[in-house]
Structure formats: structure tokens, C-alpha cells
Amino acid sequence: MKNLFQLSLLILLLMGQSVAGQSTSIQVTVTGNGNPVIFLPGFASDSSVWNTTVSKFSKTHQCHVMEYSGFGKVAPIEFPWLPSILEDLKTYVAVLNSKKLTVVGHSMGGTIATWLAAQPELKITEIIVIDGLPATGALMMPNFSPENMVYDNAYNNQMLAMDAADFEQMAAGMATDPEHQKTIKENILNCDRKTYVYGYTDYLKLDARPLLKNISIPVTIIGAGKLYGKEMALKTYKEQYANLTGYTLKINPDAKHFIMMDAPLWLEEQLNRILVK
């Protein structure tokens, strides 16, 4: 009864935001019963990336699967985009108010999971990061500085003007199977273009590394090693998560970025060890 009340309160809260003209940046699908698990997709992904995973764990857990504005069928919002998502997710977790909540995030969803775990007022039991980094921008840019990340730049303008054929090429290398690559491409093409371009700037601008020292709950990082090799993956994770006191790191050397597509059974096994106790 308590969980039902909290979920009803949450729905009313989000509806209230919409009525007030402040369209929420997330949409949530809830299935199953048991301890809650929030599933956060990565950048340009919709909730379908979790279909196989949720079909299994909804038998033992209450699965809260997120959608972001501007991706899939969710309407875009005003910018800044990612800060709005962070605040709406923070509200969602606070209202859920569970004593045993796990957050699972892929890619950008993993970055968000670390950000949520570092918020002292939130009740989160554990997080699982799937091929995600606290500061992707720092990995991509040698002289990374969040202050220098702006929407109006030559690269973003080029991306906004790019045709669909060139735009979809950005999916290359993120999964092994051609059918999975096609799914990723379709998700990218289904994105609101402005949200994709400016939202990616928001994503690269987010640097959660200084916040890692505030995390005291268990963290499991599940990485992909196929694209750049296991040793390079290990090096990257150790450098990026240097401020995190302790964590469990597992690398699948045969999987690319979308581990849930390249190694679904292996990923299921890792999640099962954490979630089913």
C-alpha cells in the first residue's frame, strides 16, 4: 500500500509539472513487483534497449524504465536539456523514497547513476554502471573544460545541417551484430535533431568526477573491451573513477558499447548476482 501511495504521489507530481506548463524531461514505465530498480538508457536510446533485461527482472523486481525527452516518442523540451533530466530524476527518486533502490545505467545513464548516487539526500542502495564514464568529455577532449562547452559552435551547426544518411553513420562500432547496429541507427534517426546535438553538448559538459568522493554505496562497473581492447578499457575506467573510494569492475572483452545487445546472457548473469539476493 505504501509503495502504491508513493507511486501515485509521483504520478500526480509529474502531472502537476505538465499542467503548470513545465513539461517533464522524463517518462517512466513501471512493471513487476518487488524491490525497485531504475533503468536509465544511454544517449539517443529509448527504453527498448532494456526490453530483454526487464522481461527477466520484472519477475522479481519493480522495474522503472526511463525515457528522455527528445528521444523515441517523447516530446523535446527547452534547453538546457540534461540539467532538467537530472533534476526530474532526483525528484523521482526522492518521491519513490525506497529503502532498497538500485539504479542501473548504460552509457550516459551510467553517468547519471553516479550523479544520483552522489546526492546525499537520496536513498539509493546500489548503482550499476554499464559502459559509462563520469566525464565522457574529458576522455574525448585533451583540454577539457565544461565552461568551454557551448551550443553555438561550428561542429554543432554542421550536425544540425547534416542529412540523415551521414547522421546515421555515428552508430558504427557500438554493437557487433548488423541487426543491432540497425536498431541503434533507427534510434538515432528518431531523435529530435536539436535535442541530439545540443543534448550531446550537455552530456559532454557533465563532469561527475569531483562528486565520486561523495559516493558511499556499492558501485559495480560493467565495461566493454572489444572496441579498444580490455587493457585500454581497464586503464580508462581506473583513471576516470580515481575519486571513487571502492567499486567492482568487470570487463567483457567480447562486447562493444551496447553490452545488452552483444552479451545479453553474460550481462543478465552479472545483474542477477547483484539484484537477486
Protein backbone atom coordinates (compact mmCIF):
# COMPACT_ATOMS: atom_id res chain seq x y z
CA MET A 1 0.00 0.00 0.00
CA LYS A 2 2.85 2.37 0.86
CA ASN A 3 4.56 1.80 -2.50
CA LEU A 4 1.25 2.32 -4.32
CA PHE A 5 0.72 5.60 -2.48
CA GLN A 6 4.24 6.81 -3.26
CA LEU A 7 3.89 5.91 -6.94
CA SER A 8 0.51 7.69 -7.11
CA LEU A 9 2.06 10.75 -5.49
CA LEU A 10 4.87 10.66 -8.03
CA ILE A 11 2.45 10.49 -10.94
CA LEU A 12 0.50 13.43 -9.54
CA LEU A 13 3.72 15.39 -9.10
CA LEU A 14 4.77 14.84 -12.70
CA MET A 15 1.28 15.63 -13.94
CA GLY A 16 1.40 18.81 -11.89
CA GLN A 17 4.57 19.86 -13.67
CA SER A 18 2.89 19.34 -17.03
CA VAL A 19 -0.24 21.27 -16.00
CA ALA A 20 1.97 24.13 -14.84
CA GLY A 21 3.47 24.29 -18.33
CA GLN A 22 6.78 22.76 -17.23
CA SER A 23 6.87 19.63 -19.38
CA THR A 24 8.82 16.95 -17.58
CA SER A 25 12.02 15.72 -19.19
CA ILE A 26 11.38 12.04 -18.44
CA GLN A 27 8.68 9.45 -18.93
CA VAL A 28 8.56 6.23 -16.92
CA THR A 29 7.14 2.75 -17.49
CA VAL A 30 6.74 0.64 -14.34
CA THR A 31 6.38 -3.16 -14.48
CA GLY A 32 6.72 -6.00 -12.00
CA ASN A 33 6.75 -6.22 -8.22
CA GLY A 34 9.48 -6.30 -5.60
CA ASN A 35 12.38 -4.03 -4.73
CA PRO A 36 12.57 -1.16 -7.24
CA VAL A 37 15.21 -0.90 -9.95
CA ILE A 38 15.54 2.20 -12.14
CA PHE A 39 16.87 1.51 -15.65
CA LEU A 40 18.46 4.51 -17.37
CA PRO A 41 19.21 4.24 -21.12
CA GLY A 42 22.16 5.90 -22.75
CA PHE A 43 22.32 8.91 -25.01
CA ALA A 44 19.99 8.72 -28.05
CA SER A 45 18.49 5.43 -26.79
CA ASP A 46 14.88 4.79 -25.88
CA SER A 47 13.61 2.33 -23.29
CA SER A 48 13.59 -0.56 -25.80
CA VAL A 49 17.30 -1.20 -25.14
CA TRP A 50 16.19 -2.66 -21.79
CA ASN A 51 13.40 -4.90 -23.13
CA THR A 52 15.23 -8.20 -22.74
CA THR A 53 16.69 -7.26 -19.36
CA VAL A 54 13.39 -6.00 -17.96
CA SER A 55 11.47 -9.04 -19.22
CA LYS A 56 13.63 -11.12 -16.88
CA PHE A 57 13.96 -8.89 -13.84
CA SER A 58 10.35 -7.68 -13.74
CA LYS A 59 9.57 -11.19 -12.46
CA THR A 60 11.44 -10.44 -9.25
CA HIS A 61 11.64 -6.63 -9.11
CA GLN A 62 9.62 -3.49 -9.75
CA CYS A 63 11.30 -2.10 -12.87
CA HIS A 64 11.16 1.65 -13.55
CA VAL A 65 12.33 2.19 -17.13
CA MET A 66 13.11 5.76 -18.16
CA GLU A 67 12.66 7.65 -21.43
CA TYR A 68 14.31 11.01 -22.06
CA SER A 69 12.70 13.98 -23.76
CA GLY A 70 13.56 14.33 -27.44
CA PHE A 71 14.37 10.63 -27.83
CA GLY A 72 12.00 7.94 -29.08
CA LYS A 73 8.41 9.19 -28.87
CA VAL A 74 8.95 11.65 -26.01
CA ALA A 75 8.46 15.30 -26.95
CA PRO A 76 11.51 17.60 -26.70
CA ILE A 77 11.82 20.27 -24.00
CA GLU A 78 13.59 23.60 -23.73
CA PHE A 79 17.33 23.76 -23.06
CA PRO A 80 19.40 23.15 -21.04
CA TRP A 81 18.32 19.54 -21.52
CA LEU A 82 20.43 17.33 -19.28
CA PRO A 83 20.20 19.52 -16.14
CA SER A 84 16.41 19.22 -16.40
CA ILE A 85 16.68 15.43 -16.65
CA LEU A 86 18.95 15.31 -13.60
CA GLU A 87 16.55 17.35 -11.50
CA ASP A 88 13.48 15.37 -12.62
CA LEU A 89 15.23 12.09 -11.84
CA LYS A 90 16.30 13.46 -8.47
CA THR A 91 12.65 14.29 -7.75
CA TYR A 92 11.56 10.85 -8.95
CA VAL A 93 13.98 9.06 -6.62
CA ALA A 94 13.07 11.32 -3.69
CA VAL A 95 9.34 10.72 -4.06
CA LEU A 96 9.84 6.99 -4.60
CA ASN A 97 11.60 7.05 -1.21
CA SER A 98 12.54 3.37 -1.27
CA LYS A 99 14.73 1.73 1.36
CA LYS A 100 16.17 -0.63 -1.25
CA LEU A 101 16.58 1.05 -4.63
CA THR A 102 19.11 0.05 -7.28
CA VAL A 103 19.90 2.28 -10.25
CA VAL A 104 21.20 0.67 -13.45
CA GLY A 105 22.51 2.98 -16.17
CA HIS A 106 24.00 2.41 -19.61
CA SER A 107 26.49 4.90 -21.06
CA MET A 108 25.10 8.38 -20.25
CA GLY A 109 22.64 6.58 -17.97
CA GLY A 110 25.65 5.31 -16.02
CA THR A 111 26.98 8.86 -15.70
CA ILE A 112 23.59 9.93 -14.38
CA ALA A 113 23.58 6.99 -11.94
CA THR A 114 26.86 8.21 -10.40
CA TRP A 115 25.47 11.75 -10.18
CA LEU A 116 22.35 10.48 -8.39
CA ALA A 117 24.42 8.31 -6.03
CA ALA A 118 26.44 11.38 -5.01
CA GLN A 119 23.33 13.31 -3.88
CA PRO A 120 23.39 12.92 -0.07
CA GLU A 121 19.64 13.30 0.45
CA LEU A 122 18.65 10.48 -1.93
CA LYS A 123 18.01 6.92 -0.78
CA ILE A 124 19.85 4.66 -3.21
CA THR A 125 21.19 1.27 -2.12
CA GLU A 126 23.46 0.47 -5.04
CA ILE A 127 24.28 1.52 -8.60
CA ILE A 128 25.36 -0.49 -11.64
CA VAL A 129 27.15 1.40 -14.43
CA ILE A 130 27.20 -0.30 -17.82
CA ASP A 131 29.97 1.07 -20.04
CA GLY A 132 29.58 4.57 -18.70
CA LEU A 133 32.08 7.19 -17.54
CA PRO A 134 31.72 10.09 -15.09
CA ALA A 135 33.25 12.51 -17.62
CA THR A 136 32.99 11.46 -21.26
CA GLY A 137 34.00 14.95 -22.37
CA ALA A 138 37.35 14.61 -20.58
CA LEU A 139 38.02 11.37 -22.45
CA MET A 140 37.30 12.94 -25.84
CA MET A 141 39.00 16.33 -25.39
CA PRO A 142 42.61 16.76 -24.14
CA ASN A 143 42.00 20.27 -22.77
CA PHE A 144 38.52 19.54 -21.45
CA SER A 145 36.79 22.38 -19.63
CA PRO A 146 32.99 22.34 -19.05
CA GLU A 147 32.92 26.14 -19.24
CA ASN A 148 34.07 26.00 -22.87
CA MET A 149 31.21 23.72 -23.94
CA VAL A 150 28.62 25.90 -25.68
CA TYR A 151 25.71 25.14 -28.01
CA ASP A 152 26.68 27.59 -30.73
CA ASN A 153 29.80 26.14 -32.32
CA ALA A 154 30.90 25.01 -35.79
CA TYR A 155 30.61 21.27 -35.02
CA ASN A 156 27.04 21.58 -33.70
CA ASN A 157 26.00 23.70 -36.67
CA GLN A 158 27.39 21.07 -39.01
CA MET A 159 25.50 18.34 -37.15
CA LEU A 160 22.23 20.27 -37.34
CA ALA A 161 22.63 20.62 -41.10
CA MET A 162 23.72 17.02 -41.74
CA ASP A 163 21.42 14.78 -43.80
CA ALA A 164 20.04 11.52 -42.39
CA ALA A 165 22.41 9.28 -44.39
CA ASP A 166 25.51 10.90 -42.90
CA PHE A 167 23.93 11.33 -39.48
CA GLU A 168 23.20 7.62 -39.01
CA GLN A 169 26.86 6.68 -39.52
CA MET A 170 27.51 7.66 -35.90
CA ALA A 171 26.07 4.30 -34.85
CA ALA A 172 29.02 2.41 -36.31
CA GLY A 173 31.12 0.50 -33.81
CA MET A 174 28.66 0.47 -30.91
CA ALA A 175 27.39 -3.09 -31.45
CA THR A 176 28.66 -6.15 -33.34
CA ASP A 177 25.55 -7.64 -34.96
CA PRO A 178 24.29 -5.78 -38.10
CA GLU A 179 20.68 -6.01 -36.87
CA HIS A 180 21.66 -4.40 -33.57
CA GLN A 181 23.56 -1.69 -35.46
CA LYS A 182 20.38 -1.06 -37.46
CA THR A 183 18.36 -0.68 -34.24
CA ILE A 184 20.88 1.82 -32.87
CA LYS A 185 20.79 3.79 -36.13
CA GLU A 186 16.99 3.89 -36.07
CA ASN A 187 17.05 5.21 -32.50
CA ILE A 188 19.47 7.94 -33.51
CA LEU A 189 17.35 8.95 -36.51
CA ASN A 190 14.23 9.00 -34.33
CA CYS A 191 15.79 11.59 -32.04
CA ASP A 192 14.78 15.21 -32.23
CA ARG A 193 17.84 16.57 -34.05
CA LYS A 194 18.24 19.68 -31.89
CA THR A 195 17.97 17.59 -28.74
CA TYR A 196 20.59 15.20 -30.09
CA VAL A 197 23.04 17.94 -30.99
CA TYR A 198 22.61 20.31 -28.04
CA GLY A 199 21.88 17.44 -25.65
CA TYR A 200 25.21 15.88 -26.54
CA THR A 201 26.87 19.16 -25.61
CA ASP A 202 25.11 18.92 -22.22
CA TYR A 203 26.33 15.34 -21.86
CA LEU A 204 29.95 16.16 -22.67
CA LYS A 205 29.79 19.12 -20.31
CA LEU A 206 28.76 16.97 -17.32
CA ASP A 207 31.74 16.09 -15.15
CA ALA A 208 30.77 13.89 -12.20
CA ARG A 209 34.37 13.03 -11.23
CA PRO A 210 34.56 15.54 -8.34
CA LEU A 211 31.32 14.08 -6.94
CA LEU A 212 32.60 10.49 -6.82
CA LYS A 213 34.19 11.05 -3.41
CA ASN A 214 30.68 11.58 -2.01
CA ILE A 215 29.52 8.08 -3.00
CA SER A 216 29.46 5.59 -0.14
CA ILE A 217 27.15 2.90 -1.56
CA PRO A 218 28.30 -0.16 -3.57
CA VAL A 219 29.13 0.56 -7.22
CA THR A 220 29.57 -2.06 -9.92
CA ILE A 221 31.03 -1.00 -13.27
CA ILE A 222 30.49 -3.34 -16.21
CA GLY A 223 32.65 -2.42 -19.18
CA ALA A 224 33.07 -3.38 -22.83
CA GLY A 225 36.51 -4.33 -24.10
CA LYS A 226 36.02 -5.29 -27.73
CA LEU A 227 36.35 -1.90 -29.41
CA TYR A 228 39.66 -0.73 -27.89
CA GLY A 229 40.82 -3.83 -26.02
CA LYS A 230 40.49 -4.91 -22.40
CA GLU A 231 43.70 -3.25 -21.20
CA MET A 232 42.72 0.14 -22.60
CA ALA A 233 39.25 -0.21 -21.08
CA LEU A 234 40.73 -1.02 -17.66
CA LYS A 235 43.09 1.96 -17.89
CA THR A 236 40.28 4.34 -18.84
CA TYR A 237 38.00 3.20 -16.03
CA LYS A 238 40.71 3.38 -13.39
CA GLU A 239 41.64 6.91 -14.45
CA GLN A 240 38.06 8.19 -14.66
CA TYR A 241 36.94 6.59 -11.38
CA ALA A 242 40.06 7.50 -9.39
CA ASN A 243 37.99 9.61 -6.95
CA LEU A 244 35.68 6.70 -6.12
CA THR A 245 36.70 5.01 -2.87
CA GLY A 246 35.76 1.49 -3.90
CA TYR A 247 33.98 -0.31 -6.71
CA THR A 248 33.75 -3.64 -8.52
CA LEU A 249 34.93 -3.56 -12.13
CA LYS A 250 34.12 -6.27 -14.69
CA ILE A 251 35.09 -6.14 -18.36
CA ASN A 252 33.63 -8.27 -21.15
CA PRO A 253 36.40 -8.45 -23.78
CA ASP A 254 33.99 -9.66 -26.49
CA ALA A 255 31.36 -6.92 -26.21
CA LYS A 256 31.10 -3.49 -27.75
CA HIS A 257 29.38 -0.49 -26.14
CA PHE A 258 25.84 -1.95 -26.18
CA ILE A 259 26.66 -4.88 -23.91
CA MET A 260 22.97 -5.74 -23.55
CA MET A 261 22.97 -6.48 -27.29
CA ASP A 262 26.41 -8.10 -27.68
CA ALA A 263 26.38 -10.21 -24.49
CA PRO A 264 22.82 -10.29 -23.08
CA LEU A 265 23.18 -13.56 -21.15
CA TRP A 266 26.52 -12.52 -19.63
CA LEU A 267 25.08 -9.16 -18.61
CA GLU A 268 22.00 -10.86 -17.18
CA GLU A 269 24.27 -13.06 -15.10
CA GLN A 270 26.16 -10.05 -13.70
CA LEU A 271 22.95 -8.23 -12.84
CA ASN A 272 21.44 -11.36 -11.33
CA ARG A 273 24.33 -11.67 -8.87
CA ILE A 274 23.64 -8.15 -7.62
CA LEU A 275 19.87 -7.85 -7.82
CA VAL A 276 18.74 -11.32 -6.75
CA LYS A 277 19.97 -11.89 -3.21
